[in-house]
Amino acid sequence: MNDATGRAPRRTLVKVCGLTRLEDAAWALDCGADWCGFIVHGHTPRRIEPERAAEIVDALSEWLAEGNRKMVAVMAGVDAAQALELARRARAHRVQVHQPAGAWPLDFPLPTAVAVGVTPEGRILGDEPAARHLLMLDTSIAGHEGGTGRTWPWAVARPIAARRDVLLAGGLHADNVAEAIHTLRPFGVDAASRLESAPGVKDPEKVRRYIEAVRTCDLAPEREAG
């Protein structure tokens, strides 16, 4: 359905990350999430064994077969061979890697999002990945990406988001995600720690409100970013 201007409404992709439980992943999909992220390698309390992630994927296979819904295997400190093995063990549709962008091969067989860190002050810490990979911009504090619960000044990445798809992460939740979308107009938004009641345990109401805020924002008239 088009809006009054004849344009198709915006649809921001929504990823819920740091999932460790079947009930949380099912709830996220039921609320309208597009991608579910499972951290299968890295030093974090949100880490899940790839085989357990695969069990969750199998249990949600009917939901994941709809539209653009995907399971994302998230990992840090791996090479391409390790990433592919982990992704296959987890039955992942995509991978998300936290490592220098230039090290990721162009011919990796699964769609890949490569995370580039941004300091809370707005300094982008690495090179962009090749155009065929999705660029993820996430808060980095002392070299640690993801799970910080901190935002960064989104406007610094406007020139990047104007020329390529960006997956925006870092401290997003129901009360700030609409402003983030208006500011950067990203391809997608990704939230983890700010949707939790404990590390790896999602708060159902926070998840619902976050996804609802994105969908409400998508239906609102476009406005100039401030």
Protein backbone atom coordinates (compact mmCIF):
# COMPACT_ATOMS: atom_id res chain seq x y z
CA MET A 1 0.00 0.00 0.00
CA ASN A 2 1.31 3.45 -0.93
CA ASP A 3 0.92 6.63 1.08
CA ALA A 4 -0.75 9.84 -0.07
CA THR A 5 2.34 10.79 -2.10
CA GLY A 6 2.25 7.52 -4.01
CA ARG A 7 5.39 6.20 -2.34
CA ALA A 8 5.60 2.81 -0.68
CA PRO A 9 5.91 3.24 3.09
CA ARG A 10 9.33 2.79 4.64
CA ARG A 11 9.95 -0.57 6.29
CA THR A 12 12.94 -0.60 8.59
CA LEU A 13 14.34 -4.06 9.19
CA VAL A 14 14.25 -5.01 12.89
CA LYS A 15 16.82 -7.30 14.45
CA VAL A 16 16.65 -8.52 18.04
CA CYS A 17 20.04 -9.82 19.13
CA GLY A 18 21.62 -11.61 22.07
CA LEU A 19 18.86 -14.22 22.19
CA THR A 20 19.48 -17.33 24.26
CA ARG A 21 15.98 -18.75 24.84
CA LEU A 22 13.33 -20.22 22.57
CA GLU A 23 10.53 -18.26 24.23
CA ASP A 24 12.33 -14.95 23.68
CA ALA A 25 13.01 -15.66 20.01
CA ALA A 26 9.41 -16.76 19.44
CA TRP A 27 8.11 -13.63 21.14
CA ALA A 28 10.38 -11.38 19.06
CA LEU A 29 9.10 -12.96 15.84
CA ASP A 30 5.50 -12.80 17.04
CA CYS A 31 5.96 -9.07 17.70
CA GLY A 32 7.24 -8.56 14.16
CA ALA A 33 11.03 -8.87 14.29
CA ASP A 34 12.70 -9.70 10.98
CA TRP A 35 16.03 -11.11 12.14
CA CYS A 36 16.94 -12.97 15.34
CA GLY A 37 20.58 -12.81 16.44
CA PHE A 38 22.35 -15.55 18.40
CA ILE A 39 25.89 -14.93 19.62
CA VAL A 40 27.66 -18.23 18.96
CA HIS A 41 31.24 -17.08 19.55
CA GLY A 42 32.66 -14.34 21.75
CA HIS A 43 33.19 -13.33 25.36
CA THR A 44 29.71 -12.33 26.50
CA PRO A 45 27.04 -13.60 28.90
CA ARG A 46 24.74 -13.71 25.87
CA ARG A 47 26.73 -16.46 24.17
CA ILE A 48 24.81 -19.56 23.16
CA GLU A 49 26.13 -22.88 21.87
CA PRO A 50 25.58 -23.25 18.11
CA GLU A 51 23.74 -26.53 18.60
CA ARG A 52 21.27 -24.88 21.01
CA ALA A 53 20.74 -22.08 18.52
CA ALA A 54 20.02 -24.72 15.87
CA GLU A 55 17.38 -26.29 18.13
CA ILE A 56 15.68 -22.90 18.45
CA VAL A 57 15.84 -22.37 14.68
CA ASP A 58 14.27 -25.78 14.09
CA ALA A 59 11.50 -25.04 16.58
CA LEU A 60 10.75 -21.76 14.80
CA SER A 61 11.10 -23.04 11.25
CA GLU A 62 7.55 -22.13 10.22
CA TRP A 63 7.97 -18.53 11.40
CA LEU A 64 11.43 -18.23 9.83
CA ALA A 65 10.05 -19.41 6.50
CA GLU A 66 7.92 -16.27 6.23
CA GLY A 67 9.12 -13.22 4.31
CA ASN A 68 12.58 -11.92 5.15
CA ARG A 69 12.84 -13.54 8.55
CA LYS A 70 16.33 -14.82 9.20
CA MET A 71 18.48 -16.35 11.92
CA VAL A 72 21.80 -14.54 12.27
CA ALA A 73 24.87 -16.20 13.81
CA VAL A 74 26.86 -13.46 15.53
CA MET A 75 30.55 -13.99 16.26
CA ALA A 76 33.79 -12.25 17.11
CA GLY A 77 37.39 -13.34 16.80
CA VAL A 78 36.89 -15.93 14.06
CA ASP A 79 38.25 -16.45 10.58
CA ALA A 80 36.06 -17.28 7.59
CA ALA A 81 36.43 -21.05 7.95
CA GLN A 82 35.49 -20.96 11.63
CA ALA A 83 32.56 -18.64 10.90
CA LEU A 84 31.17 -20.95 8.25
CA GLU A 85 31.45 -23.97 10.53
CA LEU A 86 29.72 -22.17 13.38
CA ALA A 87 26.98 -20.87 11.09
CA ARG A 88 26.28 -24.32 9.72
CA ARG A 89 26.17 -25.84 13.20
CA ALA A 90 23.69 -23.13 14.22
CA ARG A 91 21.61 -23.48 11.02
CA ALA A 92 22.09 -19.77 10.40
CA HIS A 93 20.84 -17.95 7.33
CA ARG A 94 23.31 -15.08 7.77
CA VAL A 95 26.36 -14.19 9.81
CA GLN A 96 27.43 -11.05 11.63
CA VAL A 97 31.12 -10.68 12.34
CA HIS A 98 33.02 -8.30 14.59
CA GLN A 99 36.50 -8.07 13.08
CA PRO A 100 38.45 -5.81 10.67
CA ALA A 101 36.35 -5.36 7.54
CA GLY A 102 39.22 -5.88 5.13
CA ALA A 103 39.80 -9.41 6.42
CA TRP A 104 36.40 -10.71 5.34
CA PRO A 105 36.40 -12.57 2.00
CA LEU A 106 34.22 -11.39 -0.85
CA ASP A 107 33.25 -14.96 -1.69
CA PHE A 108 32.00 -15.97 1.75
CA PRO A 109 29.00 -18.22 1.00
CA LEU A 110 26.53 -16.67 3.46
CA PRO A 111 25.26 -13.07 3.54
CA THR A 112 27.38 -11.15 6.01
CA ALA A 113 27.05 -8.06 8.15
CA VAL A 114 30.42 -6.67 9.18
CA ALA A 115 30.43 -4.58 12.36
CA VAL A 116 32.44 -1.38 12.52
CA GLY A 117 32.77 0.32 15.88
CA VAL A 118 31.81 3.90 16.67
CA THR A 119 32.87 5.59 19.89
CA PRO A 120 30.24 7.26 22.09
CA GLU A 121 31.73 10.55 20.87
CA GLY A 122 31.11 9.63 17.21
CA ARG A 123 34.50 8.51 15.91
CA ILE A 124 34.22 5.65 13.41
CA LEU A 125 36.98 3.19 14.22
CA GLY A 126 37.45 1.12 11.11
CA ASP A 127 37.16 0.85 7.37
CA GLU A 128 33.89 -0.06 5.72
CA PRO A 129 33.44 -3.58 4.37
CA ALA A 130 33.09 -4.28 0.66
CA ALA A 131 29.81 -3.17 -0.89
CA ARG A 132 28.43 -6.71 -1.09
CA HIS A 133 28.52 -6.99 2.72
CA LEU A 134 26.08 -5.18 5.00
CA LEU A 135 27.71 -2.50 7.14
CA MET A 136 26.77 -2.54 10.81
CA LEU A 137 27.65 0.46 12.95
CA ASP A 138 27.72 -0.33 16.66
CA THR A 139 28.97 1.39 19.78
CA SER A 140 32.54 0.53 20.68
CA ILE A 141 33.99 1.26 24.11
CA ALA A 142 37.64 0.38 24.75
CA GLY A 143 37.58 -1.88 21.72
CA HIS A 144 34.49 -3.83 22.81
CA GLU A 145 31.55 -3.82 20.41
CA GLY A 146 28.01 -4.83 21.22
CA GLY A 147 26.10 -5.06 24.46
CA THR A 148 27.33 -1.71 25.73
CA GLY A 149 23.87 -0.18 26.13
CA ARG A 150 25.38 3.10 24.90
CA THR A 151 24.38 5.15 21.88
CA TRP A 152 26.57 7.23 19.58
CA PRO A 153 25.78 10.43 17.63
CA TRP A 154 23.96 8.93 14.67
CA ALA A 155 24.20 12.03 12.50
CA VAL A 156 27.94 11.45 11.92
CA ALA A 157 27.06 8.48 9.71
CA ARG A 158 24.53 10.26 7.47
CA PRO A 159 26.93 10.44 4.49
CA ILE A 160 27.49 6.68 4.77
CA ALA A 161 23.80 5.80 5.12
CA ALA A 162 23.01 7.99 2.11
CA ARG A 163 25.07 5.77 -0.19
CA ARG A 164 24.79 2.26 1.29
CA ASP A 165 22.65 0.15 3.60
CA VAL A 166 23.51 0.49 7.28
CA LEU A 167 22.40 -1.68 10.18
CA LEU A 168 22.30 0.63 13.19
CA ALA A 169 23.09 -0.66 16.69
CA GLY A 170 24.13 0.63 20.07
CA GLY A 171 21.83 1.40 23.00
CA LEU A 172 18.59 1.30 21.03
CA HIS A 173 15.24 0.82 22.77
CA ALA A 174 11.61 1.85 22.44
CA ASP A 175 12.15 5.43 23.57
CA ASN A 176 14.97 6.36 21.19
CA VAL A 177 14.69 4.12 18.13
CA ALA A 178 12.32 6.44 16.25
CA GLU A 179 14.73 9.35 16.65
CA ALA A 180 17.55 7.12 15.45
CA ILE A 181 15.58 6.19 12.34
CA HIS A 182 14.63 9.79 11.58
CA THR A 183 18.25 10.87 12.02
CA LEU A 184 20.03 8.19 9.99
CA ARG A 185 17.31 6.48 7.93
CA PRO A 186 19.10 3.14 8.20
CA PHE A 187 18.34 -0.10 6.42
CA GLY A 188 17.75 -1.71 9.79
CA VAL A 189 18.04 -1.36 13.56
CA ASP A 190 19.48 -3.85 16.03
CA ALA A 191 18.95 -4.01 19.79
CA ALA A 192 20.08 -6.40 22.49
CA SER A 193 21.04 -5.28 26.00
CA ARG A 194 18.44 -2.54 26.36
CA LEU A 195 15.67 -5.10 25.76
CA GLU A 196 16.68 -7.35 28.64
CA SER A 197 15.67 -8.10 32.20
CA ALA A 198 19.03 -9.89 32.68
CA PRO A 199 21.91 -10.67 30.30
CA GLY A 200 20.54 -13.01 27.64
CA VAL A 201 16.98 -12.85 29.01
CA LYS A 202 14.62 -10.58 27.11
CA ASP A 203 11.91 -8.48 28.77
CA PRO A 204 8.77 -9.17 26.70
CA GLU A 205 7.34 -5.68 27.16
CA LYS A 206 10.60 -3.98 26.15
CA VAL A 207 10.79 -6.13 23.02
CA ARG A 208 7.18 -5.42 22.10
CA ARG A 209 7.51 -1.69 22.61
CA TYR A 210 10.78 -1.52 20.66
CA ILE A 211 9.35 -3.26 17.60
CA GLU A 212 6.09 -1.32 17.85
CA ALA A 213 8.06 1.95 17.96
CA VAL A 214 9.88 1.03 14.74
CA ARG A 215 6.70 0.12 12.92
CA THR A 216 4.95 3.28 14.11
CA CYS A 217 7.90 5.35 12.93
CA ASP A 218 7.79 3.66 9.53
CA LEU A 219 4.17 4.73 9.09
CA ALA A 220 4.78 8.35 10.14
CA PRO A 221 5.35 11.03 7.48
CA GLU A 222 8.98 11.62 6.59
CA ARG A 223 10.50 14.67 8.22
CA GLU A 224 13.79 16.42 7.87
CA ALA A 225 16.45 15.00 10.15
CA GLY A 226 17.50 17.39 12.85
